Amino acid sequence: MTSTVLITGANRGVGLALAQHYHQAGWQVIGVCRSASAELAEVAERVIDNIDVTQYDDVARLAQSLDGTRLDLLINNAGLLRDEQLGKIDFETIREQMEVNAYAPLRVTEALLPCLGEGSKIANITSRMGSIADNDSGGRYGYRASKAALNAFGKSLAVDLAPRGIAVAQLHPGYVQTRMVNFGGLISPDEAAAGIAARMEALTLETSGGFWHSNGEPLPW
């Protein structure tokens, strides 16, 4: 039976690279995004666009359109990076990042629970910048806090979903050459996608709840 993956933020960057990776691996790809792209349409069996994952009505519409479709893998990838500096912090950008990076993955996961069953897996695309122990450079208040919150949500999801046979991982893709960082990263989206896919392939209920780099390195909380 063909496996099915749903990816949020699938129209570009790491999300698109993940869609391409799973398509090439023979999976059915459901790409979710606000604005569709021609590149995503080439590899996704289904594109569900005009979805803002911060909006309850949009997420409810996403769940309704799936109508209980079995998902073997849910990848919460949609994300937002802003910059705040002490002394001129914009709390609106912090709120915005919390909505996109933390609340939205939890909202999507809860809404799509009817599509997840024993053997399903969830990947929350987080960042090592969400690690409190690893923070030695400061700044990025909203991004760090939102990713730390996502890590906490993911750990709780792993505990709560274990009785259902669903495993969860928090994955840092690496410093990826995407628009989010003005294409100044160290690895390509394809490399990040391959690493994420490898981590999810290896994920089990016994290792569920962990926080890893896409290269397999465990990361500190």
N, C-alpha and C. Protein backbone atom coordinates (compact mmCIF):
# COMPACT_ATOMS: atom_id res chain seq x y z
N MET A 1 0.85 -1.19 0.00
CA MET A 1 0.00 0.00 0.00
C MET A 1 0.88 1.24 0.00
N THR A 2 0.53 2.24 -0.79
CA THR A 2 1.30 3.47 -0.89
C THR A 2 1.11 4.32 0.37
N SER A 3 2.21 4.83 0.90
CA SER A 3 2.15 5.69 2.08
C SER A 3 1.80 7.11 1.67
N THR A 4 1.20 7.85 2.61
CA THR A 4 0.77 9.22 2.35
C THR A 4 1.39 10.17 3.36
N VAL A 5 1.92 11.28 2.86
CA VAL A 5 2.50 12.32 3.70
C VAL A 5 1.79 13.64 3.44
N LEU A 6 1.51 14.37 4.50
CA LEU A 6 0.97 15.73 4.38
C LEU A 6 2.02 16.69 4.91
N ILE A 7 2.31 17.72 4.13
CA ILE A 7 3.36 18.68 4.48
C ILE A 7 2.77 20.08 4.45
N THR A 8 2.89 20.82 5.55
CA THR A 8 2.48 22.22 5.54
C THR A 8 3.65 23.09 5.06
N GLY A 9 3.32 24.25 4.51
CA GLY A 9 4.36 25.11 3.96
C GLY A 9 5.12 24.43 2.85
N ALA A 10 4.38 23.72 1.99
CA ALA A 10 5.00 22.82 1.02
C ALA A 10 5.32 23.48 -0.32
N ASN A 11 5.04 24.74 -0.48
CA ASN A 11 5.17 25.36 -1.80
C ASN A 11 6.59 25.82 -2.13
N ARG A 12 7.48 25.88 -1.12
CA ARG A 12 8.85 26.32 -1.40
C ARG A 12 9.77 25.87 -0.28
N GLY A 13 11.07 26.10 -0.47
CA GLY A 13 12.06 25.84 0.58
C GLY A 13 12.11 24.39 1.00
N VAL A 14 12.29 24.17 2.29
CA VAL A 14 12.41 22.82 2.83
C VAL A 14 11.11 22.04 2.59
N GLY A 15 9.97 22.70 2.70
CA GLY A 15 8.70 22.01 2.47
C GLY A 15 8.59 21.46 1.06
N LEU A 16 8.99 22.24 0.08
CA LEU A 16 8.97 21.77 -1.30
C LEU A 16 9.98 20.65 -1.51
N ALA A 17 11.17 20.78 -0.92
CA ALA A 17 12.18 19.73 -1.04
C ALA A 17 11.68 18.43 -0.42
N LEU A 18 10.94 18.52 0.68
CA LEU A 18 10.36 17.33 1.30
C LEU A 18 9.30 16.71 0.37
N ALA A 19 8.49 17.55 -0.23
CA ALA A 19 7.48 17.04 -1.17
C ALA A 19 8.15 16.32 -2.33
N GLN A 20 9.20 16.91 -2.86
CA GLN A 20 9.93 16.28 -3.97
C GLN A 20 10.58 14.97 -3.53
N HIS A 21 11.14 14.96 -2.33
CA HIS A 21 11.80 13.76 -1.83
C HIS A 21 10.81 12.60 -1.70
N TYR A 22 9.67 12.87 -1.07
CA TYR A 22 8.71 11.79 -0.85
C TYR A 22 8.03 11.37 -2.15
N HIS A 23 7.84 12.30 -3.06
CA HIS A 23 7.31 11.93 -4.38
C HIS A 23 8.25 10.95 -5.08
N GLN A 24 9.53 11.26 -5.05
CA GLN A 24 10.53 10.40 -5.69
C GLN A 24 10.61 9.03 -5.01
N ALA A 25 10.27 9.01 -3.71
CA ALA A 25 10.29 7.75 -2.97
C ALA A 25 9.00 6.94 -3.16
N GLY A 26 8.07 7.48 -3.93
CA GLY A 26 6.85 6.73 -4.24
C GLY A 26 5.69 6.99 -3.31
N TRP A 27 5.81 7.99 -2.45
CA TRP A 27 4.72 8.33 -1.54
C TRP A 27 3.68 9.18 -2.26
N GLN A 28 2.45 9.15 -1.74
CA GLN A 28 1.45 10.13 -2.14
C GLN A 28 1.67 11.38 -1.29
N VAL A 29 1.80 12.51 -1.96
CA VAL A 29 2.11 13.77 -1.28
C VAL A 29 0.89 14.68 -1.30
N ILE A 30 0.52 15.17 -0.11
CA ILE A 30 -0.49 16.20 0.02
C ILE A 30 0.23 17.47 0.47
N GLY A 31 0.25 18.46 -0.39
CA GLY A 31 0.94 19.70 -0.09
C GLY A 31 -0.04 20.77 0.36
N VAL A 32 0.22 21.34 1.53
CA VAL A 32 -0.65 22.37 2.10
C VAL A 32 0.12 23.68 2.13
N CYS A 33 -0.53 24.76 1.70
CA CYS A 33 0.17 26.04 1.63
C CYS A 33 -0.84 27.18 1.51
N ARG A 34 -0.34 28.38 1.67
CA ARG A 34 -1.20 29.54 1.44
C ARG A 34 -1.32 29.83 -0.06
N SER A 35 -0.20 29.75 -0.77
CA SER A 35 -0.19 30.01 -2.21
C SER A 35 0.49 28.86 -2.92
N ALA A 36 -0.19 28.23 -3.85
CA ALA A 36 0.36 27.08 -4.57
C ALA A 36 1.51 27.53 -5.48
N SER A 37 2.37 26.57 -5.81
CA SER A 37 3.46 26.82 -6.75
C SER A 37 3.45 25.75 -7.82
N ALA A 38 3.97 26.09 -8.99
CA ALA A 38 4.04 25.12 -10.08
C ALA A 38 4.92 23.95 -9.70
N GLU A 39 5.98 24.22 -8.94
CA GLU A 39 6.91 23.14 -8.53
C GLU A 39 6.20 22.13 -7.63
N LEU A 40 5.36 22.63 -6.72
CA LEU A 40 4.62 21.72 -5.85
C LEU A 40 3.61 20.91 -6.64
N ALA A 41 2.93 21.55 -7.58
CA ALA A 41 1.92 20.86 -8.39
C ALA A 41 2.51 19.69 -9.17
N GLU A 42 3.79 19.78 -9.50
CA GLU A 42 4.45 18.72 -10.27
C GLU A 42 4.63 17.43 -9.46
N VAL A 43 4.70 17.55 -8.14
CA VAL A 43 5.04 16.37 -7.33
C VAL A 43 3.94 15.94 -6.37
N ALA A 44 2.97 16.80 -6.12
CA ALA A 44 1.92 16.48 -5.16
C ALA A 44 0.71 15.86 -5.85
N GLU A 45 0.22 14.78 -5.28
CA GLU A 45 -1.02 14.20 -5.79
C GLU A 45 -2.18 15.15 -5.52
N ARG A 46 -2.03 15.93 -4.45
CA ARG A 46 -3.08 16.87 -4.08
C ARG A 46 -2.45 18.10 -3.45
N VAL A 47 -2.87 19.27 -3.91
CA VAL A 47 -2.44 20.54 -3.32
C VAL A 47 -3.67 21.20 -2.70
N ILE A 48 -3.56 21.52 -1.42
CA ILE A 48 -4.63 22.23 -0.71
C ILE A 48 -4.08 23.60 -0.36
N ASP A 49 -4.48 24.60 -1.14
CA ASP A 49 -3.93 25.93 -0.93
C ASP A 49 -4.94 26.84 -0.27
N ASN A 50 -4.57 28.10 -0.13
CA ASN A 50 -5.37 29.08 0.60
C ASN A 50 -5.61 28.66 2.04
N ILE A 51 -4.62 27.96 2.60
CA ILE A 51 -4.69 27.54 3.99
C ILE A 51 -3.68 28.34 4.81
N ASP A 52 -4.19 29.14 5.73
CA ASP A 52 -3.35 29.84 6.70
C ASP A 52 -3.44 29.04 7.99
N VAL A 53 -2.36 28.39 8.37
CA VAL A 53 -2.40 27.46 9.50
C VAL A 53 -2.60 28.16 10.84
N THR A 54 -2.59 29.49 10.85
CA THR A 54 -2.87 30.21 12.09
C THR A 54 -4.36 30.47 12.28
N GLN A 55 -5.16 30.14 11.26
CA GLN A 55 -6.58 30.45 11.30
C GLN A 55 -7.42 29.20 11.55
N TYR A 56 -8.25 29.25 12.58
CA TYR A 56 -9.08 28.09 12.93
C TYR A 56 -9.94 27.64 11.76
N ASP A 57 -10.57 28.57 11.08
CA ASP A 57 -11.47 28.20 9.98
C ASP A 57 -10.72 27.50 8.85
N ASP A 58 -9.52 27.98 8.53
CA ASP A 58 -8.73 27.36 7.47
C ASP A 58 -8.31 25.94 7.86
N VAL A 59 -7.89 25.77 9.10
CA VAL A 59 -7.46 24.44 9.55
C VAL A 59 -8.65 23.50 9.61
N ALA A 60 -9.79 24.01 10.01
CA ALA A 60 -11.01 23.18 10.01
C ALA A 60 -11.37 22.78 8.58
N ARG A 61 -11.21 23.70 7.63
CA ARG A 61 -11.48 23.38 6.24
C ARG A 61 -10.51 22.33 5.70
N LEU A 62 -9.25 22.43 6.14
CA LEU A 62 -8.25 21.43 5.76
C LEU A 62 -8.67 20.05 6.25
N ALA A 63 -9.04 19.97 7.52
CA ALA A 63 -9.45 18.69 8.08
C ALA A 63 -10.68 18.14 7.38
N GLN A 64 -11.63 19.02 7.07
CA GLN A 64 -12.85 18.58 6.39
C GLN A 64 -12.54 18.06 4.99
N SER A 65 -11.62 18.72 4.30
CA SER A 65 -11.30 18.31 2.94
C SER A 65 -10.60 16.96 2.91
N LEU A 66 -9.90 16.62 3.99
CA LEU A 66 -9.22 15.32 4.06
C LEU A 66 -10.20 14.20 4.36
N ASP A 67 -11.26 14.53 5.11
CA ASP A 67 -12.34 13.57 5.37
C ASP A 67 -11.81 12.24 5.89
N GLY A 68 -10.87 12.32 6.85
CA GLY A 68 -10.36 11.10 7.47
C GLY A 68 -9.33 10.34 6.68
N THR A 69 -8.83 10.91 5.59
CA THR A 69 -7.77 10.26 4.81
C THR A 69 -6.63 9.83 5.71
N ARG A 70 -6.20 8.59 5.60
CA ARG A 70 -5.11 8.08 6.42
C ARG A 70 -3.80 8.79 6.07
N LEU A 71 -3.15 9.35 7.10
CA LEU A 71 -1.84 9.98 6.93
C LEU A 71 -0.80 9.13 7.66
N ASP A 72 0.18 8.67 6.91
CA ASP A 72 1.26 7.92 7.53
C ASP A 72 2.29 8.86 8.15
N LEU A 73 2.36 10.07 7.60
CA LEU A 73 3.32 11.05 8.09
C LEU A 73 2.73 12.45 7.95
N LEU A 74 2.76 13.19 9.05
CA LEU A 74 2.38 14.60 9.07
C LEU A 74 3.63 15.41 9.36
N ILE A 75 3.96 16.33 8.46
CA ILE A 75 5.13 17.18 8.66
C ILE A 75 4.66 18.61 8.85
N ASN A 76 4.79 19.10 10.08
CA ASN A 76 4.45 20.48 10.39
C ASN A 76 5.68 21.33 10.09
N ASN A 77 5.70 21.88 8.88
CA ASN A 77 6.89 22.56 8.37
C ASN A 77 6.74 24.08 8.27
N ALA A 78 5.53 24.59 8.10
CA ALA A 78 5.34 26.03 7.91
C ALA A 78 5.96 26.80 9.07
N GLY A 79 6.74 27.82 8.74
CA GLY A 79 7.43 28.57 9.78
C GLY A 79 7.68 30.01 9.40
N LEU A 80 8.07 30.81 10.40
CA LEU A 80 8.29 32.24 10.19
C LEU A 80 9.46 32.69 11.06
N LEU A 81 10.37 33.48 10.46
CA LEU A 81 11.52 34.02 11.17
C LEU A 81 11.50 35.54 11.10
N ARG A 82 11.51 36.17 12.27
CA ARG A 82 11.66 37.61 12.37
C ARG A 82 12.84 37.89 13.32
N ASP A 83 13.26 39.13 13.38
CA ASP A 83 14.41 39.48 14.22
C ASP A 83 14.01 40.59 15.19
N GLU A 84 14.30 40.37 16.47
CA GLU A 84 14.07 41.41 17.47
C GLU A 84 15.38 41.66 18.22
N GLN A 85 15.62 42.90 18.56
CA GLN A 85 16.81 43.27 19.31
C GLN A 85 16.40 44.00 20.57
N LEU A 86 17.06 43.68 21.65
CA LEU A 86 16.74 44.28 22.94
C LEU A 86 16.85 45.80 22.86
N GLY A 87 15.84 46.46 23.37
CA GLY A 87 15.79 47.91 23.31
C GLY A 87 14.83 48.42 22.26
N LYS A 88 14.53 47.57 21.27
CA LYS A 88 13.55 47.94 20.24
C LYS A 88 12.75 46.71 19.82
N ILE A 89 12.31 45.97 20.82
CA ILE A 89 11.56 44.75 20.56
C ILE A 89 10.15 45.08 20.07
N ASP A 90 9.75 44.44 19.00
CA ASP A 90 8.40 44.53 18.46
C ASP A 90 7.64 43.30 18.94
N PHE A 91 6.78 43.49 19.92
CA PHE A 91 6.07 42.35 20.50
C PHE A 91 5.03 41.77 19.54
N GLU A 92 4.66 42.54 18.55
CA GLU A 92 3.74 42.01 17.54
C GLU A 92 4.42 40.92 16.72
N THR A 93 5.70 41.10 16.39
CA THR A 93 6.40 40.05 15.63
C THR A 93 6.61 38.81 16.48
N ILE A 94 6.78 38.99 17.79
CA ILE A 94 6.88 37.83 18.67
C ILE A 94 5.58 37.06 18.68
N ARG A 95 4.48 37.79 18.80
CA ARG A 95 3.16 37.13 18.78
C ARG A 95 2.95 36.39 17.46
N GLU A 96 3.33 37.03 16.36
CA GLU A 96 3.16 36.44 15.04
C GLU A 96 3.94 35.13 14.92
N GLN A 97 5.17 35.12 15.41
CA GLN A 97 5.99 33.90 15.35
C GLN A 97 5.44 32.81 16.26
N MET A 98 4.91 33.17 17.41
CA MET A 98 4.28 32.17 18.27
C MET A 98 3.09 31.53 17.57
N GLU A 99 2.30 32.34 16.87
CA GLU A 99 1.13 31.82 16.16
C GLU A 99 1.55 30.82 15.08
N VAL A 100 2.55 31.20 14.27
CA VAL A 100 2.95 30.36 13.14
C VAL A 100 3.79 29.17 13.58
N ASN A 101 4.78 29.41 14.41
CA ASN A 101 5.79 28.39 14.71
C ASN A 101 5.37 27.42 15.81
N ALA A 102 4.52 27.87 16.73
CA ALA A 102 4.17 27.03 17.88
C ALA A 102 2.71 26.62 17.88
N TYR A 103 1.81 27.62 17.88
CA TYR A 103 0.40 27.28 18.00
C TYR A 103 -0.12 26.54 16.77
N ALA A 104 0.32 26.96 15.58
CA ALA A 104 -0.21 26.34 14.36
C ALA A 104 0.08 24.85 14.26
N PRO A 105 1.32 24.39 14.52
CA PRO A 105 1.55 22.94 14.45
C PRO A 105 0.67 22.15 15.41
N LEU A 106 0.46 22.70 16.61
CA LEU A 106 -0.41 22.02 17.57
C LEU A 106 -1.85 22.03 17.08
N ARG A 107 -2.27 23.15 16.52
CA ARG A 107 -3.64 23.26 16.00
C ARG A 107 -3.86 22.28 14.84
N VAL A 108 -2.91 22.22 13.92
CA VAL A 108 -3.03 21.31 12.78
C VAL A 108 -3.04 19.86 13.25
N THR A 109 -2.13 19.53 14.15
CA THR A 109 -2.06 18.15 14.64
C THR A 109 -3.35 17.72 15.30
N GLU A 110 -3.90 18.57 16.15
CA GLU A 110 -5.15 18.22 16.83
C GLU A 110 -6.28 18.05 15.82
N ALA A 111 -6.35 18.95 14.84
CA ALA A 111 -7.43 18.89 13.86
C ALA A 111 -7.34 17.64 12.99
N LEU A 112 -6.11 17.16 12.76
CA LEU A 112 -5.92 16.01 11.87
C LEU A 112 -5.79 14.68 12.60
N LEU A 113 -6.07 14.67 13.89
CA LEU A 113 -5.99 13.42 14.64
C LEU A 113 -6.85 12.30 14.02
N PRO A 114 -8.02 12.60 13.46
CA PRO A 114 -8.80 11.52 12.84
C PRO A 114 -8.09 10.87 11.66
N CYS A 115 -7.08 11.55 11.10
CA CYS A 115 -6.34 11.00 9.96
C CYS A 115 -5.11 10.20 10.39
N LEU A 116 -4.80 10.24 11.68
CA LEU A 116 -3.60 9.59 12.20
C LEU A 116 -3.99 8.36 12.99
N GLY A 117 -3.24 7.28 12.79
CA GLY A 117 -3.54 6.06 13.52
C GLY A 117 -2.27 5.33 13.89
N GLU A 118 -2.42 4.13 14.36
CA GLU A 118 -1.26 3.34 14.79
C GLU A 118 -0.25 3.24 13.65
N GLY A 119 0.99 3.58 13.95
CA GLY A 119 2.05 3.55 12.95
C GLY A 119 2.29 4.88 12.27
N SER A 120 1.38 5.84 12.43
CA SER A 120 1.59 7.17 11.88
C SER A 120 2.71 7.88 12.64
N LYS A 121 3.33 8.87 11.98
CA LYS A 121 4.39 9.64 12.62
C LYS A 121 4.17 11.12 12.35
N ILE A 122 4.69 11.95 13.27
CA ILE A 122 4.58 13.40 13.15
C ILE A 122 5.97 14.00 13.25
N ALA A 123 6.32 14.85 12.30
CA ALA A 123 7.58 15.60 12.34
C ALA A 123 7.27 17.07 12.54
N ASN A 124 7.76 17.63 13.63
CA ASN A 124 7.65 19.06 13.86
C ASN A 124 8.99 19.68 13.47
N ILE A 125 8.98 20.51 12.42
CA ILE A 125 10.22 21.13 11.97
C ILE A 125 10.49 22.34 12.86
N THR A 126 11.45 22.17 13.74
CA THR A 126 11.77 23.16 14.75
C THR A 126 13.12 23.78 14.41
N SER A 127 13.86 24.19 15.41
CA SER A 127 15.18 24.78 15.21
C SER A 127 16.01 24.59 16.47
N ARG A 128 17.32 24.45 16.28
CA ARG A 128 18.18 24.39 17.45
C ARG A 128 18.18 25.73 18.19
N MET A 129 17.68 26.79 17.53
CA MET A 129 17.52 28.06 18.22
C MET A 129 16.43 28.01 19.27
N GLY A 130 15.65 26.94 19.27
CA GLY A 130 14.68 26.72 20.33
C GLY A 130 15.29 26.04 21.54
N SER A 131 16.56 25.69 21.46
CA SER A 131 17.25 25.07 22.60
C SER A 131 17.69 26.16 23.58
N ILE A 132 17.30 26.03 24.83
CA ILE A 132 17.73 26.98 25.85
C ILE A 132 19.19 26.74 26.21
N ALA A 133 19.58 25.48 26.30
CA ALA A 133 20.97 25.16 26.66
C ALA A 133 21.96 25.60 25.59
N ASP A 134 21.51 25.65 24.34
CA ASP A 134 22.41 25.93 23.22
C ASP A 134 22.48 27.43 22.88
N ASN A 135 21.73 28.25 23.62
CA ASN A 135 21.67 29.68 23.32
C ASN A 135 22.87 30.40 23.93
N ASP A 136 23.85 30.71 23.09
CA ASP A 136 25.01 31.46 23.57
C ASP A 136 25.20 32.76 22.80
N SER A 137 24.18 33.15 22.01
CA SER A 137 24.32 34.37 21.23
C SER A 137 23.17 35.35 21.43
N GLY A 138 22.12 34.95 22.19
CA GLY A 138 21.03 35.86 22.49
C GLY A 138 20.21 36.25 21.28
N GLY A 139 19.42 37.32 21.44
CA GLY A 139 18.60 37.84 20.35
C GLY A 139 17.53 36.88 19.87
N ARG A 140 16.93 37.23 18.73
CA ARG A 140 15.89 36.40 18.10
C ARG A 140 14.85 35.94 19.12
N TYR A 141 14.35 36.88 19.90
CA TYR A 141 13.48 36.54 21.03
C TYR A 141 12.24 35.76 20.61
N GLY A 142 11.57 36.23 19.57
CA GLY A 142 10.35 35.56 19.15
C GLY A 142 10.60 34.20 18.53
N TYR A 143 11.62 34.11 17.69
CA TYR A 143 11.91 32.84 17.03
C TYR A 143 12.34 31.79 18.04
N ARG A 144 13.27 32.17 18.93
CA ARG A 144 13.73 31.21 19.94
C ARG A 144 12.58 30.74 20.83
N ALA A 145 11.78 31.69 21.29
CA ALA A 145 10.69 31.33 22.20
C ALA A 145 9.64 30.47 21.51
N SER A 146 9.33 30.80 20.26
CA SER A 146 8.31 30.03 19.55
C SER A 146 8.77 28.61 19.26
N LYS A 147 10.04 28.43 18.95
CA LYS A 147 10.55 27.09 18.69
C LYS A 147 10.71 26.30 19.99
N ALA A 148 11.05 26.98 21.08
CA ALA A 148 11.09 26.29 22.38
C ALA A 148 9.69 25.82 22.77
N ALA A 149 8.69 26.66 22.50
CA ALA A 149 7.31 26.26 22.77
C ALA A 149 6.90 25.08 21.90
N LEU A 150 7.29 25.10 20.63
CA LEU A 150 6.99 23.98 19.75
C LEU A 150 7.62 22.70 20.27
N ASN A 151 8.86 22.80 20.75
CA ASN A 151 9.52 21.61 21.32
C ASN A 151 8.73 21.07 22.51
N ALA A 152 8.24 21.97 23.36
CA ALA A 152 7.46 21.54 24.52
C ALA A 152 6.15 20.90 24.08
N PHE A 153 5.49 21.51 23.10
CA PHE A 153 4.26 20.93 22.58
C PHE A 153 4.53 19.53 21.99
N GLY A 154 5.62 19.42 21.24
CA GLY A 154 5.93 18.14 20.60
C GLY A 154 6.21 17.04 21.60
N LYS A 155 6.90 17.39 22.69
CA LYS A 155 7.18 16.39 23.73
C LYS A 155 5.88 15.91 24.37
N SER A 156 4.97 16.83 24.65
CA SER A 156 3.68 16.43 25.22
C SER A 156 2.87 15.59 24.23
N LEU A 157 2.91 15.96 22.96
CA LEU A 157 2.22 15.16 21.95
C LEU A 157 2.77 13.73 21.92
N ALA A 158 4.09 13.60 22.04
CA ALA A 158 4.69 12.27 22.02
C ALA A 158 4.17 11.42 23.16
N VAL A 159 4.04 12.02 24.33
CA VAL A 159 3.53 11.29 25.50
C VAL A 159 2.06 10.93 25.30
N ASP A 160 1.27 11.90 24.88
CA ASP A 160 -0.17 11.69 24.77
C ASP A 160 -0.57 10.77 23.62
N LEU A 161 0.26 10.74 22.56
CA LEU A 161 -0.08 9.93 21.39
C LEU A 161 0.54 8.54 21.42
N ALA A 162 1.44 8.29 22.35
CA ALA A 162 2.07 6.97 22.43
C ALA A 162 1.04 5.84 22.57
N PRO A 163 -0.01 5.98 23.41
CA PRO A 163 -0.99 4.89 23.50
C PRO A 163 -1.71 4.61 22.18
N ARG A 164 -1.71 5.58 21.27
CA ARG A 164 -2.34 5.38 19.97
C ARG A 164 -1.36 4.82 18.94
N GLY A 165 -0.10 4.64 19.36
CA GLY A 165 0.90 4.11 18.44
C GLY A 165 1.45 5.14 17.48
N ILE A 166 1.39 6.42 17.84
CA ILE A 166 1.85 7.51 16.98
C ILE A 166 3.12 8.11 17.57
N ALA A 167 4.18 8.17 16.78
CA ALA A 167 5.47 8.70 17.23
C ALA A 167 5.67 10.12 16.73
N VAL A 168 6.40 10.91 17.52
CA VAL A 168 6.59 12.34 17.23
C VAL A 168 8.06 12.69 17.37
N ALA A 169 8.56 13.53 16.45
CA ALA A 169 9.94 14.00 16.53
C ALA A 169 10.00 15.50 16.31
N GLN A 170 10.91 16.15 17.03
CA GLN A 170 11.24 17.56 16.81
C GLN A 170 12.56 17.58 16.04
N LEU A 171 12.55 18.16 14.84
CA LEU A 171 13.71 18.07 13.96
C LEU A 171 14.20 19.45 13.52
N HIS A 172 15.47 19.71 13.76
CA HIS A 172 16.15 20.89 13.25
C HIS A 172 16.70 20.55 11.87
N PRO A 173 16.26 21.24 10.82
CA PRO A 173 16.68 20.86 9.47
C PRO A 173 18.13 21.17 9.15
N GLY A 174 18.76 22.04 9.95
CA GLY A 174 20.08 22.55 9.64
C GLY A 174 19.98 23.99 9.19
N TYR A 175 21.12 24.60 8.90
CA TYR A 175 21.14 25.96 8.39
C TYR A 175 21.00 25.86 6.88
N VAL A 176 19.75 26.00 6.42
CA VAL A 176 19.40 25.64 5.05
C VAL A 176 19.34 26.89 4.16
N GLN A 177 19.76 26.71 2.93
CA GLN A 177 19.79 27.80 1.94
C GLN A 177 18.38 28.06 1.41
N THR A 178 17.62 28.83 2.19
CA THR A 178 16.25 29.17 1.80
C THR A 178 16.06 30.68 1.89
N ARG A 179 14.92 31.11 1.41
CA ARG A 179 14.59 32.54 1.44
C ARG A 179 14.53 33.07 2.87
N MET A 180 14.17 32.21 3.82
CA MET A 180 14.05 32.63 5.21
C MET A 180 15.35 33.25 5.72
N VAL A 181 16.49 32.73 5.23
CA VAL A 181 17.80 33.24 5.68
C VAL A 181 18.55 33.89 4.52
N ASN A 182 17.78 34.41 3.55
CA ASN A 182 18.37 35.07 2.38
C ASN A 182 19.36 34.16 1.65
N PHE A 183 19.06 32.87 1.66
CA PHE A 183 19.83 31.86 0.92
C PHE A 183 21.30 31.80 1.37
N GLY A 184 21.52 32.15 2.66
CA GLY A 184 22.89 32.13 3.17
C GLY A 184 23.24 30.90 3.98
N GLY A 185 22.48 29.83 3.85
CA GLY A 185 22.70 28.64 4.66
C GLY A 185 23.90 27.83 4.26
N LEU A 186 24.08 26.71 4.96
CA LEU A 186 25.23 25.83 4.75
C LEU A 186 24.89 24.58 3.96
N ILE A 187 23.61 24.19 3.94
CA ILE A 187 23.21 23.00 3.21
C ILE A 187 22.02 23.33 2.32
N SER A 188 21.81 22.51 1.31
CA SER A 188 20.70 22.74 0.38
C SER A 188 19.40 22.19 0.97
N PRO A 189 18.25 22.68 0.49
CA PRO A 189 16.98 22.10 0.92
C PRO A 189 16.89 20.60 0.66
N ASP A 190 17.48 20.13 -0.44
CA ASP A 190 17.45 18.69 -0.73
C ASP A 190 18.21 17.90 0.34
N GLU A 191 19.36 18.42 0.78
CA GLU A 191 20.12 17.75 1.83
C GLU A 191 19.33 17.72 3.14
N ALA A 192 18.69 18.84 3.46
CA ALA A 192 17.88 18.89 4.68
C ALA A 192 16.73 17.90 4.61
N ALA A 193 16.06 17.85 3.46
CA ALA A 193 14.92 16.94 3.30
C ALA A 193 15.34 15.49 3.45
N ALA A 194 16.48 15.13 2.87
CA ALA A 194 16.97 13.75 2.97
C ALA A 194 17.27 13.40 4.42
N GLY A 195 17.85 14.35 5.17
CA GLY A 195 18.14 14.10 6.57
C GLY A 195 16.88 13.94 7.39
N ILE A 196 15.91 14.82 7.16
CA ILE A 196 14.64 14.73 7.88
C ILE A 196 13.96 13.40 7.60
N ALA A 197 13.93 13.00 6.34
CA ALA A 197 13.30 11.73 5.97
C ALA A 197 13.99 10.55 6.64
N ALA A 198 15.31 10.60 6.72
CA ALA A 198 16.05 9.52 7.38
C ALA A 198 15.72 9.45 8.86
N ARG A 199 15.61 10.61 9.50
CA ARG A 199 15.27 10.61 10.92
C ARG A 199 13.86 10.05 11.14
N MET A 200 12.93 10.38 10.27
CA MET A 200 11.57 9.89 10.44
C MET A 200 11.47 8.40 10.14
N GLU A 201 12.27 7.93 9.21
CA GLU A 201 12.30 6.49 8.92
C GLU A 201 12.78 5.72 10.14
N ALA A 202 13.76 6.29 10.85
CA ALA A 202 14.33 5.61 12.01
C ALA A 202 13.50 5.78 13.28
N LEU A 203 12.58 6.74 13.29
CA LEU A 203 11.81 7.04 14.50
C LEU A 203 10.92 5.87 14.90
N THR A 204 10.91 5.57 16.20
CA THR A 204 10.05 4.53 16.75
C THR A 204 9.32 5.09 17.96
N LEU A 205 8.39 4.32 18.48
CA LEU A 205 7.72 4.74 19.71
C LEU A 205 8.69 4.83 20.87
N GLU A 206 9.74 4.02 20.82
CA GLU A 206 10.73 4.04 21.90
C GLU A 206 11.56 5.33 21.88
N THR A 207 11.76 5.90 20.70
CA THR A 207 12.55 7.13 20.60
C THR A 207 11.68 8.36 20.44
N SER A 208 10.37 8.19 20.43
CA SER A 208 9.45 9.30 20.23
C SER A 208 9.66 10.39 21.27
N GLY A 209 9.51 11.64 20.81
CA GLY A 209 9.61 12.78 21.71
C GLY A 209 10.95 13.46 21.70
N GLY A 210 11.94 12.91 20.95
CA GLY A 210 13.27 13.47 20.94
C GLY A 210 13.41 14.72 20.10
N PHE A 211 14.57 15.35 20.24
CA PHE A 211 14.90 16.61 19.56
C PHE A 211 16.24 16.38 18.87
N TRP A 212 16.22 16.36 17.53
CA TRP A 212 17.41 16.01 16.77
C TRP A 212 17.72 17.01 15.66
N HIS A 213 18.98 17.08 15.31
CA HIS A 213 19.42 17.71 14.06
C HIS A 213 19.08 16.73 12.94
N SER A 214 18.86 17.24 11.75
CA SER A 214 18.54 16.35 10.63
C SER A 214 19.70 15.40 10.31
N ASN A 215 20.91 15.72 10.77
CA ASN A 215 22.05 14.82 10.54
C ASN A 215 22.12 13.70 11.57
N GLY A 216 21.15 13.65 12.48
CA GLY A 216 21.08 12.60 13.48
C GLY A 216 21.63 12.97 14.84
N GLU A 217 22.22 14.14 14.97
CA GLU A 217 22.79 14.58 16.26
C GLU A 217 21.68 14.93 17.23
N PRO A 218 21.66 14.31 18.45
CA PRO A 218 20.69 14.73 19.46
C PRO A 218 20.99 16.15 19.90
N LEU A 219 19.95 16.94 20.09
CA LEU A 219 20.13 18.33 20.51
C LEU A 219 19.64 18.53 21.94
N PRO A 220 20.29 19.44 22.67
CA PRO A 220 19.88 19.69 24.06
C PRO A 220 18.64 20.55 24.12
N TRP A 221 17.83 20.34 25.15
CA TRP A 221 16.63 21.14 25.32
C TRP A 221 16.99 22.54 25.79
